[in-house]
Amino acid sequence: MEGKTETGVTIMMMAEGLDTGDMLKSASVPIGENDDFECIHDRLAK
């Protein structure tokens, strides 16, 4: 929605706050100008 050209996934330790835990590893995933939720969802899941 905010027009980002990149997102990704983060593997994190869980804490009591909302997604505030320490990070262990991350991976970036590009967002094309016509990519929709389904497309990015599937890339991020993999």
ModelCIF file with pLDDT and N, C-alpha, C, O atoms, coordinates in Angstrom:
data_MODEL
#
_entry.id   MODEL 
#
_entity.id                         1 
_entity.type                       polymer 
_entity.pdbx_number_of_molecules   1 
#
_entity_poly.entity_id                      1 
_entity_poly.type                           'polypeptide(L)' 
_entity_poly.nstd_linkage                   no 
_entity_poly.nstd_monomer                   no 
_entity_poly.pdbx_seq_one_letter_code       MEGKTETGVTIMMMAEGLDTGDMLKSASVPIGENDDFECIHDRLAK 
_entity_poly.pdbx_seq_one_letter_code_can   MEGKTETGVTIMMMAEGLDTGDMLKSASVPIGENDDFECIHDRLAK 
_entity_poly.pdbx_strand_id                 A 
#
loop_
_entity_poly_seq.entity_id 
_entity_poly_seq.num 
_entity_poly_seq.mon_id 
_entity_poly_seq.hetero 
1 1  MET n 
1 2  GLU n 
1 3  GLY n 
1 4  LYS n 
1 5  THR n 
1 6  GLU n 
1 7  THR n 
1 8  GLY n 
1 9  VAL n 
1 10 THR n 
1 11 ILE n 
1 12 MET n 
1 13 MET n 
1 14 MET n 
1 15 ALA n 
1 16 GLU n 
1 17 GLY n 
1 18 LEU n 
1 19 ASP n 
1 20 THR n 
1 21 GLY n 
1 22 ASP n 
1 23 MET n 
1 24 LEU n 
1 25 LYS n 
1 26 SER n 
1 27 ALA n 
1 28 SER n 
1 29 VAL n 
1 30 PRO n 
1 31 ILE n 
1 32 GLY n 
1 33 GLU n 
1 34 ASN n 
1 35 ASP n 
1 36 ASP n 
1 37 PHE n 
1 38 GLU n 
1 39 CYS n 
1 40 ILE n 
1 41 HIS n 
1 42 ASP n 
1 43 ARG n 
1 44 LEU n 
1 45 ALA n 
1 46 LYS n 
#
_struct_asym.id          A 
_struct_asym.entity_id   1 
#
loop_
_ma_qa_metric.id 
_ma_qa_metric.mode 
_ma_qa_metric.name 
_ma_qa_metric.software_group_id 
_ma_qa_metric.type 
1 global pLDDT . pLDDT 
2 local  pLDDT . pLDDT 
#
_ma_qa_metric_global.metric_id      1 
_ma_qa_metric_global.metric_value   96.80 
_ma_qa_metric_global.model_id       1 
_ma_qa_metric_global.ordinal_id     1 
#
loop_
_ma_qa_metric_local.label_asym_id 
_ma_qa_metric_local.label_comp_id 
_ma_qa_metric_local.label_seq_id 
_ma_qa_metric_local.metric_id 
_ma_qa_metric_local.metric_value 
_ma_qa_metric_local.model_id 
_ma_qa_metric_local.ordinal_id 
A MET 1  2 98.00 1 1  
A GLU 2  2 97.00 1 2  
A GLY 3  2 97.00 1 3  
A LYS 4  2 98.00 1 4  
A THR 5  2 98.00 1 5  
A GLU 6  2 98.00 1 6  
A THR 7  2 98.00 1 7  
A GLY 8  2 98.00 1 8  
A VAL 9  2 98.00 1 9  
A THR 10 2 98.00 1 10 
A ILE 11 2 98.00 1 11 
A MET 12 2 98.00 1 12 
A MET 13 2 97.00 1 13 
A MET 14 2 96.00 1 14 
A ALA 15 2 93.00 1 15 
A GLU 16 2 89.00 1 16 
A GLY 17 2 88.00 1 17 
A LEU 18 2 91.00 1 18 
A ASP 19 2 95.00 1 19 
A THR 20 2 95.00 1 20 
A GLY 21 2 96.00 1 21 
A ASP 22 2 97.00 1 22 
A MET 23 2 98.00 1 23 
A LEU 24 2 98.00 1 24 
A LYS 25 2 98.00 1 25 
A SER 26 2 98.00 1 26 
A ALA 27 2 98.00 1 27 
A SER 28 2 98.00 1 28 
A VAL 29 2 98.00 1 29 
A PRO 30 2 98.00 1 30 
A ILE 31 2 98.00 1 31 
A GLY 32 2 97.00 1 32 
A GLU 33 2 95.00 1 33 
A ASN 34 2 96.00 1 34 
A ASP 35 2 98.00 1 35 
A ASP 36 2 98.00 1 36 
A PHE 37 2 98.00 1 37 
A GLU 38 2 97.00 1 38 
A CYS 39 2 97.00 1 39 
A ILE 40 2 98.00 1 40 
A HIS 41 2 97.00 1 41 
A ASP 42 2 97.00 1 42 
A ARG 43 2 98.00 1 43 
A LEU 44 2 98.00 1 44 
A ALA 45 2 98.00 1 45 
A LYS 46 2 98.00 1 46 
#
loop_
_atom_site.group_PDB 
_atom_site.id 
_atom_site.type_symbol 
_atom_site.label_atom_id 
_atom_site.label_alt_id 
_atom_site.label_comp_id 
_atom_site.label_asym_id 
_atom_site.label_entity_id 
_atom_site.label_seq_id 
_atom_site.pdbx_PDB_ins_code 
_atom_site.Cartn_x 
_atom_site.Cartn_y 
_atom_site.Cartn_z 
_atom_site.occupancy 
_atom_site.B_iso_or_equiv 
_atom_site.pdbx_formal_charge 
_atom_site.auth_seq_id 
_atom_site.auth_comp_id 
_atom_site.auth_asym_id 
_atom_site.auth_atom_id 
_atom_site.pdbx_PDB_model_num 
ATOM 1   N N  . MET A 1 1  ? 0.820  -1.215  0.000   1.00 98.00 ? 1  MET A N  1 
ATOM 2   C CA . MET A 1 1  ? 0.000  0.000   0.000   1.00 98.00 ? 1  MET A CA 1 
ATOM 3   C C  . MET A 1 1  ? 0.852  1.263   0.000   1.00 98.00 ? 1  MET A C  1 
ATOM 4   O O  . MET A 1 1  ? 0.503  2.257   -0.636  1.00 98.00 ? 1  MET A O  1 
ATOM 5   N N  . GLU A 1 2  ? 1.956  1.216   0.707   1.00 97.00 ? 2  GLU A N  1 
ATOM 6   C CA . GLU A 1 2  ? 2.798  2.395   0.842   1.00 97.00 ? 2  GLU A CA 1 
ATOM 7   C C  . GLU A 1 2  ? 3.849  2.498   -0.267  1.00 97.00 ? 2  GLU A C  1 
ATOM 8   O O  . GLU A 1 2  ? 4.753  3.331   -0.204  1.00 97.00 ? 2  GLU A O  1 
ATOM 9   N N  . GLY A 1 3  ? 3.715  1.646   -1.272  1.00 97.00 ? 3  GLY A N  1 
ATOM 10  C CA . GLY A 1 3  ? 4.570  1.761   -2.445  1.00 97.00 ? 3  GLY A CA 1 
ATOM 11  C C  . GLY A 1 3  ? 5.999  1.324   -2.239  1.00 97.00 ? 3  GLY A C  1 
ATOM 12  O O  . GLY A 1 3  ? 6.882  1.763   -2.976  1.00 97.00 ? 3  GLY A O  1 
ATOM 13  N N  . LYS A 1 4  ? 6.262  0.464   -1.251  1.00 98.00 ? 4  LYS A N  1 
ATOM 14  C CA . LYS A 1 4  ? 7.628  -0.003  -1.023  1.00 98.00 ? 4  LYS A CA 1 
ATOM 15  C C  . LYS A 1 4  ? 8.097  -0.881  -2.188  1.00 98.00 ? 4  LYS A C  1 
ATOM 16  O O  . LYS A 1 4  ? 7.303  -1.603  -2.791  1.00 98.00 ? 4  LYS A O  1 
ATOM 17  N N  . THR A 1 5  ? 9.365  -0.811  -2.488  1.00 98.00 ? 5  THR A N  1 
ATOM 18  C CA . THR A 1 5  ? 9.943  -1.637  -3.546  1.00 98.00 ? 5  THR A CA 1 
ATOM 19  C C  . THR A 1 5  ? 10.682 -2.846  -2.981  1.00 98.00 ? 5  THR A C  1 
ATOM 20  O O  . THR A 1 5  ? 11.219 -3.662  -3.730  1.00 98.00 ? 5  THR A O  1 
ATOM 21  N N  . GLU A 1 6  ? 10.703 -2.953  -1.654  1.00 98.00 ? 6  GLU A N  1 
ATOM 22  C CA . GLU A 1 6  ? 11.372 -4.072  -1.002  1.00 98.00 ? 6  GLU A CA 1 
ATOM 23  C C  . GLU A 1 6  ? 10.709 -4.361  0.337   1.00 98.00 ? 6  GLU A C  1 
ATOM 24  O O  . GLU A 1 6  ? 10.311 -3.450  1.063   1.00 98.00 ? 6  GLU A O  1 
ATOM 25  N N  . THR A 1 7  ? 10.600 -5.637  0.644   1.00 98.00 ? 7  THR A N  1 
ATOM 26  C CA . THR A 1 7  ? 10.181 -6.063  1.972   1.00 98.00 ? 7  THR A CA 1 
ATOM 27  C C  . THR A 1 7  ? 11.025 -7.288  2.326   1.00 98.00 ? 7  THR A C  1 
ATOM 28  O O  . THR A 1 7  ? 12.122 -7.446  1.789   1.00 98.00 ? 7  THR A O  1 
ATOM 29  N N  . GLY A 1 8  ? 10.551 -8.140  3.198   1.00 98.00 ? 8  GLY A N  1 
ATOM 30  C CA . GLY A 1 8  ? 11.349 -9.307  3.544   1.00 98.00 ? 8  GLY A CA 1 
ATOM 31  C C  . GLY A 1 8  ? 10.767 -10.063 4.718   1.00 98.00 ? 8  GLY A C  1 
ATOM 32  O O  . GLY A 1 8  ? 9.635  -9.819  5.136   1.00 98.00 ? 8  GLY A O  1 
ATOM 33  N N  . VAL A 1 9  ? 11.550 -10.977 5.240   1.00 98.00 ? 9  VAL A N  1 
ATOM 34  C CA . VAL A 1 9  ? 11.155 -11.749 6.422   1.00 98.00 ? 9  VAL A CA 1 
ATOM 35  C C  . VAL A 1 9  ? 12.227 -11.617 7.485   1.00 98.00 ? 9  VAL A C  1 
ATOM 36  O O  . VAL A 1 9  ? 13.410 -11.456 7.184   1.00 98.00 ? 9  VAL A O  1 
ATOM 37  N N  . THR A 1 10 ? 11.795 -11.687 8.726   1.00 98.00 ? 10 THR A N  1 
ATOM 38  C CA . THR A 1 10 ? 12.718 -11.651 9.863   1.00 98.00 ? 10 THR A CA 1 
ATOM 39  C C  . THR A 1 10 ? 12.422 -12.823 10.783  1.00 98.00 ? 10 THR A C  1 
ATOM 40  O O  . THR A 1 10 ? 11.275 -13.048 11.168  1.00 98.00 ? 10 THR A O  1 
ATOM 41  N N  . ILE A 1 11 ? 13.461 -13.565 11.131  1.00 98.00 ? 11 ILE A N  1 
ATOM 42  C CA . ILE A 1 11 ? 13.344 -14.609 12.153  1.00 98.00 ? 11 ILE A CA 1 
ATOM 43  C C  . ILE A 1 11 ? 13.784 -13.968 13.465  1.00 98.00 ? 11 ILE A C  1 
ATOM 44  O O  . ILE A 1 11 ? 14.898 -13.453 13.570  1.00 98.00 ? 11 ILE A O  1 
ATOM 45  N N  . MET A 1 12 ? 12.911 -14.002 14.455  1.00 98.00 ? 12 MET A N  1 
ATOM 46  C CA . MET A 1 12 ? 13.164 -13.240 15.681  1.00 98.00 ? 12 MET A CA 1 
ATOM 47  C C  . MET A 1 12 ? 12.825 -14.057 16.915  1.00 98.00 ? 12 MET A C  1 
ATOM 48  O O  . MET A 1 12 ? 11.990 -14.961 16.874  1.00 98.00 ? 12 MET A O  1 
ATOM 49  N N  . MET A 1 13 ? 13.488 -13.721 18.012  1.00 97.00 ? 13 MET A N  1 
ATOM 50  C CA . MET A 1 13 ? 13.098 -14.250 19.313  1.00 97.00 ? 13 MET A CA 1 
ATOM 51  C C  . MET A 1 13 ? 11.833 -13.520 19.760  1.00 97.00 ? 13 MET A C  1 
ATOM 52  O O  . MET A 1 13 ? 11.720 -12.307 19.587  1.00 97.00 ? 13 MET A O  1 
ATOM 53  N N  . MET A 1 14 ? 10.900 -14.244 20.322  1.00 96.00 ? 14 MET A N  1 
ATOM 54  C CA . MET A 1 14 ? 9.644  -13.618 20.721  1.00 96.00 ? 14 MET A CA 1 
ATOM 55  C C  . MET A 1 14 ? 9.748  -13.038 22.127  1.00 96.00 ? 14 MET A C  1 
ATOM 56  O O  . MET A 1 14 ? 10.346 -13.635 23.023  1.00 96.00 ? 14 MET A O  1 
ATOM 57  N N  . ALA A 1 15 ? 9.147  -11.851 22.299  1.00 93.00 ? 15 ALA A N  1 
ATOM 58  C CA . ALA A 1 15 ? 9.086  -11.176 23.592  1.00 93.00 ? 15 ALA A CA 1 
ATOM 59  C C  . ALA A 1 15 ? 7.636  -10.783 23.843  1.00 93.00 ? 15 ALA A C  1 
ATOM 60  O O  . ALA A 1 15 ? 6.766  -11.043 23.012  1.00 93.00 ? 15 ALA A O  1 
ATOM 61  N N  . GLU A 1 16 ? 7.378  -10.159 24.984  1.00 89.00 ? 16 GLU A N  1 
ATOM 62  C CA . GLU A 1 16 ? 6.000  -9.822  25.332  1.00 89.00 ? 16 GLU A CA 1 
ATOM 63  C C  . GLU A 1 16 ? 5.432  -8.703  24.459  1.00 89.00 ? 16 GLU A C  1 
ATOM 64  O O  . GLU A 1 16 ? 4.218  -8.643  24.264  1.00 89.00 ? 16 GLU A O  1 
ATOM 65  N N  . GLY A 1 17 ? 6.278  -7.814  23.929  1.00 88.00 ? 17 GLY A N  1 
ATOM 66  C CA . GLY A 1 17 ? 5.794  -6.740  23.075  1.00 88.00 ? 17 GLY A CA 1 
ATOM 67  C C  . GLY A 1 17 ? 5.368  -7.252  21.707  1.00 88.00 ? 17 GLY A C  1 
ATOM 68  O O  . GLY A 1 17 ? 5.590  -8.418  21.381  1.00 88.00 ? 17 GLY A O  1 
ATOM 69  N N  . LEU A 1 18 ? 4.756  -6.384  20.905  1.00 91.00 ? 18 LEU A N  1 
ATOM 70  C CA . LEU A 1 18 ? 4.283  -6.739  19.577  1.00 91.00 ? 18 LEU A CA 1 
ATOM 71  C C  . LEU A 1 18 ? 5.449  -6.724  18.587  1.00 91.00 ? 18 LEU A C  1 
ATOM 72  O O  . LEU A 1 18 ? 5.867  -5.664  18.120  1.00 91.00 ? 18 LEU A O  1 
ATOM 73  N N  . ASP A 1 19 ? 5.968  -7.916  18.275  1.00 95.00 ? 19 ASP A N  1 
ATOM 74  C CA . ASP A 1 19 ? 7.077  -8.064  17.314  1.00 95.00 ? 19 ASP A CA 1 
ATOM 75  C C  . ASP A 1 19 ? 8.295  -7.229  17.710  1.00 95.00 ? 19 ASP A C  1 
ATOM 76  O O  . ASP A 1 19 ? 8.922  -6.594  16.862  1.00 95.00 ? 19 ASP A O  1 
ATOM 77  N N  . THR A 1 20 ? 8.621  -7.236  18.987  1.00 95.00 ? 20 THR A N  1 
ATOM 78  C CA . THR A 1 20 ? 9.717  -6.408  19.495  1.00 95.00 ? 20 THR A CA 1 
ATOM 79  C C  . THR A 1 20 ? 10.966 -7.206  19.854  1.00 95.00 ? 20 THR A C  1 
ATOM 80  O O  . THR A 1 20 ? 11.964 -6.615  20.267  1.00 95.00 ? 20 THR A O  1 
ATOM 81  N N  . GLY A 1 21 ? 10.939 -8.524  19.710  1.00 96.00 ? 21 GLY A N  1 
ATOM 82  C CA . GLY A 1 21 ? 12.040 -9.365  20.155  1.00 96.00 ? 21 GLY A CA 1 
ATOM 83  C C  . GLY A 1 21 ? 13.315 -9.192  19.340  1.00 96.00 ? 21 GLY A C  1 
ATOM 84  O O  . GLY A 1 21 ? 13.311 -8.595  18.263  1.00 96.00 ? 21 GLY A O  1 
ATOM 85  N N  . ASP A 1 22 ? 14.402 -9.725  19.877  1.00 97.00 ? 22 ASP A N  1 
ATOM 86  C CA . ASP A 1 22 ? 15.699 -9.649  19.199  1.00 97.00 ? 22 ASP A CA 1 
ATOM 87  C C  . ASP A 1 22 ? 15.665 -10.425 17.884  1.00 97.00 ? 22 ASP A C  1 
ATOM 88  O O  . ASP A 1 22 ? 15.036 -11.479 17.787  1.00 97.00 ? 22 ASP A O  1 
ATOM 89  N N  . MET A 1 23 ? 16.350 -9.890  16.879  1.00 98.00 ? 23 MET A N  1 
ATOM 90  C CA . MET A 1 23 ? 16.368 -10.490 15.542  1.00 98.00 ? 23 MET A CA 1 
ATOM 91  C C  . MET A 1 23 ? 17.513 -11.497 15.414  1.00 98.00 ? 23 MET A C  1 
ATOM 92  O O  . MET A 1 23 ? 18.609 -11.289 15.934  1.00 98.00 ? 23 MET A O  1 
ATOM 93  N N  . LEU A 1 24 ? 17.224 -12.595 14.706  1.00 98.00 ? 24 LEU A N  1 
ATOM 94  C CA . LEU A 1 24 ? 18.237 -13.629 14.484  1.00 98.00 ? 24 LEU A CA 1 
ATOM 95  C C  . LEU A 1 24 ? 18.757 -13.626 13.051  1.00 98.00 ? 24 LEU A C  1 
ATOM 96  O O  . LEU A 1 24 ? 19.959 -13.765 12.827  1.00 98.00 ? 24 LEU A O  1 
ATOM 97  N N  . LYS A 1 25 ? 17.865 -13.470 12.089  1.00 98.00 ? 25 LYS A N  1 
ATOM 98  C CA . LYS A 1 25 ? 18.272 -13.504 10.684  1.00 98.00 ? 25 LYS A CA 1 
ATOM 99  C C  . LYS A 1 25 ? 17.145 -12.893 9.845   1.00 98.00 ? 25 LYS A C  1 
ATOM 100 O O  . LYS A 1 25 ? 15.977 -12.956 10.230  1.00 98.00 ? 25 LYS A O  1 
ATOM 101 N N  . SER A 1 26 ? 17.495 -12.307 8.705   1.00 98.00 ? 26 SER A N  1 
ATOM 102 C CA . SER A 1 26 ? 16.477 -11.731 7.821   1.00 98.00 ? 26 SER A CA 1 
ATOM 103 C C  . SER A 1 26 ? 16.845 -11.991 6.370   1.00 98.00 ? 26 SER A C  1 
ATOM 104 O O  . SER A 1 26 ? 17.988 -12.322 6.053   1.00 98.00 ? 26 SER A O  1 
ATOM 105 N N  . ALA A 1 27 ? 15.857 -11.835 5.492   1.00 98.00 ? 27 ALA A N  1 
ATOM 106 C CA . ALA A 1 27 ? 16.066 -11.995 4.054   1.00 98.00 ? 27 ALA A CA 1 
ATOM 107 C C  . ALA A 1 27 ? 15.166 -11.011 3.325   1.00 98.00 ? 27 ALA A C  1 
ATOM 108 O O  . ALA A 1 27 ? 13.997 -10.854 3.675   1.00 98.00 ? 27 ALA A O  1 
ATOM 109 N N  . SER A 1 28 ? 15.712 -10.349 2.311   1.00 98.00 ? 28 SER A N  1 
ATOM 110 C CA . SER A 1 28 ? 14.954 -9.347  1.559   1.00 98.00 ? 28 SER A CA 1 
ATOM 111 C C  . SER A 1 28 ? 14.223 -9.968  0.378   1.00 98.00 ? 28 SER A C  1 
ATOM 112 O O  . SER A 1 28 ? 14.669 -10.959 -0.201  1.00 98.00 ? 28 SER A O  1 
ATOM 113 N N  . VAL A 1 29 ? 13.080 -9.359  0.032   1.00 98.00 ? 29 VAL A N  1 
ATOM 114 C CA . VAL A 1 29 ? 12.282 -9.786  -1.117  1.00 98.00 ? 29 VAL A CA 1 
ATOM 115 C C  . VAL A 1 29 ? 11.843 -8.533  -1.873  1.00 98.00 ? 29 VAL A C  1 
ATOM 116 O O  . VAL A 1 29 ? 11.274 -7.628  -1.263  1.00 98.00 ? 29 VAL A O  1 
ATOM 117 N N  . PRO A 1 30 ? 12.092 -8.451  -3.202  1.00 98.00 ? 30 PRO A N  1 
ATOM 118 C CA . PRO A 1 30 ? 11.691 -7.262  -3.958  1.00 98.00 ? 30 PRO A CA 1 
ATOM 119 C C  . PRO A 1 30 ? 10.186 -7.215  -4.191  1.00 98.00 ? 30 PRO A C  1 
ATOM 120 O O  . PRO A 1 30 ? 9.524  -8.253  -4.230  1.00 98.00 ? 30 PRO A O  1 
ATOM 121 N N  . ILE A 1 31 ? 9.652  -6.013  -4.346  1.00 98.00 ? 31 ILE A N  1 
ATOM 122 C CA . ILE A 1 31 ? 8.251  -5.807  -4.701  1.00 98.00 ? 31 ILE A CA 1 
ATOM 123 C C  . ILE A 1 31 ? 8.213  -5.071  -6.032  1.00 98.00 ? 31 ILE A C  1 
ATOM 124 O O  . ILE A 1 31 ? 8.650  -3.923  -6.113  1.00 98.00 ? 31 ILE A O  1 
ATOM 125 N N  . GLY A 1 32 ? 7.695  -5.714  -7.078  1.00 97.00 ? 32 GLY A N  1 
ATOM 126 C CA . GLY A 1 32 ? 7.570  -5.083  -8.385  1.00 97.00 ? 32 GLY A CA 1 
ATOM 127 C C  . GLY A 1 32 ? 6.390  -4.124  -8.407  1.00 97.00 ? 32 GLY A C  1 
ATOM 128 O O  . GLY A 1 32 ? 5.515  -4.199  -7.544  1.00 97.00 ? 32 GLY A O  1 
ATOM 129 N N  . GLU A 1 33 ? 6.357  -3.222  -9.389  1.00 95.00 ? 33 GLU A N  1 
ATOM 130 C CA . GLU A 1 33 ? 5.332  -2.178  -9.421  1.00 95.00 ? 33 GLU A CA 1 
ATOM 131 C C  . GLU A 1 33 ? 3.928  -2.726  -9.646  1.00 95.00 ? 33 GLU A C  1 
ATOM 132 O O  . GLU A 1 33 ? 2.947  -2.034  -9.375  1.00 95.00 ? 33 GLU A O  1 
ATOM 133 N N  . ASN A 1 34 ? 3.816  -3.963  -10.140 1.00 96.00 ? 34 ASN A N  1 
ATOM 134 C CA . ASN A 1 34 ? 2.490  -4.558  -10.343 1.00 96.00 ? 34 ASN A CA 1 
ATOM 135 C C  . ASN A 1 34 ? 2.279  -5.818  -9.510  1.00 96.00 ? 34 ASN A C  1 
ATOM 136 O O  . ASN A 1 34 ? 1.273  -6.507  -9.680  1.00 96.00 ? 34 ASN A O  1 
ATOM 137 N N  . ASP A 1 35 ? 3.207  -6.125  -8.619  1.00 98.00 ? 35 ASP A N  1 
ATOM 138 C CA . ASP A 1 35 ? 3.041  -7.285  -7.738  1.00 98.00 ? 35 ASP A CA 1 
ATOM 139 C C  . ASP A 1 35 ? 1.887  -7.046  -6.774  1.00 98.00 ? 35 ASP A C  1 
ATOM 140 O O  . ASP A 1 35 ? 1.746  -5.954  -6.225  1.00 98.00 ? 35 ASP A O  1 
ATOM 141 N N  . ASP A 1 36 ? 1.058  -8.078  -6.570  1.00 98.00 ? 36 ASP A N  1 
ATOM 142 C CA . ASP A 1 36 ? -0.052 -7.943  -5.631  1.00 98.00 ? 36 ASP A CA 1 
ATOM 143 C C  . ASP A 1 36 ? 0.233  -8.727  -4.349  1.00 98.00 ? 36 ASP A C  1 
ATOM 144 O O  . ASP A 1 36 ? 1.290  -9.341  -4.200  1.00 98.00 ? 36 ASP A O  1 
ATOM 145 N N  . PHE A 1 37 ? -0.726 -8.694  -3.434  1.00 98.00 ? 37 PHE A N  1 
ATOM 146 C CA . PHE A 1 37 ? -0.561 -9.357  -2.138  1.00 98.00 ? 37 PHE A CA 1 
ATOM 147 C C  . PHE A 1 37 ? -0.261 -10.844 -2.295  1.00 98.00 ? 37 PHE A C  1 
ATOM 148 O O  . PHE A 1 37 ? 0.625  -11.376 -1.626  1.00 98.00 ? 37 PHE A O  1 
ATOM 149 N N  . GLU A 1 38 ? -0.997 -11.511 -3.174  1.00 97.00 ? 38 GLU A N  1 
ATOM 150 C CA . GLU A 1 38 ? -0.809 -12.946 -3.351  1.00 97.00 ? 38 GLU A CA 1 
ATOM 151 C C  . GLU A 1 38 ? 0.618  -13.268 -3.784  1.00 97.00 ? 38 GLU A C  1 
ATOM 152 O O  . GLU A 1 38 ? 1.247  -14.190 -3.264  1.00 97.00 ? 38 GLU A O  1 
ATOM 153 N N  . CYS A 1 39 ? 1.110  -12.505 -4.730  1.00 97.00 ? 39 CYS A N  1 
ATOM 154 C CA . CYS A 1 39 ? 2.462  -12.721 -5.254  1.00 97.00 ? 39 CYS A CA 1 
ATOM 155 C C  . CYS A 1 39 ? 3.515  -12.549 -4.163  1.00 97.00 ? 39 CYS A C  1 
ATOM 156 O O  . CYS A 1 39 ? 4.379  -13.408 -3.987  1.00 97.00 ? 39 CYS A O  1 
ATOM 157 N N  . ILE A 1 40 ? 3.443  -11.445 -3.435  1.00 98.00 ? 40 ILE A N  1 
ATOM 158 C CA . ILE A 1 40 ? 4.440  -11.170 -2.395  1.00 98.00 ? 40 ILE A CA 1 
ATOM 159 C C  . ILE A 1 40 ? 4.278  -12.128 -1.215  1.00 98.00 ? 40 ILE A C  1 
ATOM 160 O O  . ILE A 1 40 ? 5.269  -12.558 -0.624  1.00 98.00 ? 40 ILE A O  1 
ATOM 161 N N  . HIS A 1 41 ? 3.040  -12.461 -0.873  1.00 97.00 ? 41 HIS A N  1 
ATOM 162 C CA . HIS A 1 41 ? 2.782  -13.434 0.192   1.00 97.00 ? 41 HIS A CA 1 
ATOM 163 C C  . HIS A 1 41 ? 3.507  -14.749 -0.090  1.00 97.00 ? 41 HIS A C  1 
ATOM 164 O O  . HIS A 1 41 ? 4.171  -15.302 0.787   1.00 97.00 ? 41 HIS A O  1 
ATOM 165 N N  . ASP A 1 42 ? 3.375  -15.241 -1.318  1.00 97.00 ? 42 ASP A N  1 
ATOM 166 C CA . ASP A 1 42 ? 3.981  -16.524 -1.666  1.00 97.00 ? 42 ASP A CA 1 
ATOM 167 C C  . ASP A 1 42 ? 5.511  -16.439 -1.640  1.00 97.00 ? 42 ASP A C  1 
ATOM 168 O O  . ASP A 1 42 ? 6.180  -17.366 -1.185  1.00 97.00 ? 42 ASP A O  1 
ATOM 169 N N  . ARG A 1 43 ? 6.055  -15.331 -2.127  1.00 98.00 ? 43 ARG A N  1 
ATOM 170 C CA . ARG A 1 43 ? 7.516  -15.162 -2.088  1.00 98.00 ? 43 ARG A CA 1 
ATOM 171 C C  . ARG A 1 43 ? 8.018  -15.125 -0.648  1.00 98.00 ? 43 ARG A C  1 
ATOM 172 O O  . ARG A 1 43 ? 9.021  -15.753 -0.311  1.00 98.00 ? 43 ARG A O  1 
ATOM 173 N N  . LEU A 1 44 ? 7.305  -14.382 0.194   1.00 98.00 ? 44 LEU A N  1 
ATOM 174 C CA . LEU A 1 44 ? 7.730  -14.253 1.583   1.00 98.00 ? 44 LEU A CA 1 
ATOM 175 C C  . LEU A 1 44 ? 7.591  -15.576 2.343   1.00 98.00 ? 44 LEU A C  1 
ATOM 176 O O  . LEU A 1 44 ? 8.425  -15.903 3.187   1.00 98.00 ? 44 LEU A O  1 
ATOM 177 N N  . ALA A 1 45 ? 6.539  -16.327 2.040   1.00 98.00 ? 45 ALA A N  1 
ATOM 178 C CA . ALA A 1 45 ? 6.352  -17.615 2.708   1.00 98.00 ? 45 ALA A CA 1 
ATOM 179 C C  . ALA A 1 45 ? 7.524  -18.547 2.419   1.00 98.00 ? 45 ALA A C  1 
ATOM 180 O O  . ALA A 1 45 ? 8.023  -19.226 3.316   1.00 98.00 ? 45 ALA A O  1 
ATOM 181 N N  . LYS A 1 46 ? 7.959  -18.574 1.157   1.00 98.00 ? 46 LYS A N  1 
ATOM 182 C CA . LYS A 1 46 ? 9.101  -19.417 0.779   1.00 98.00 ? 46 LYS A CA 1 
ATOM 183 C C  . LYS A 1 46 ? 10.398 -18.901 1.396   1.00 98.00 ? 46 LYS A C  1 
ATOM 184 O O  . LYS A 1 46 ? 11.459 -19.488 1.184   1.00 98.00 ? 46 LYS A O  1 
#
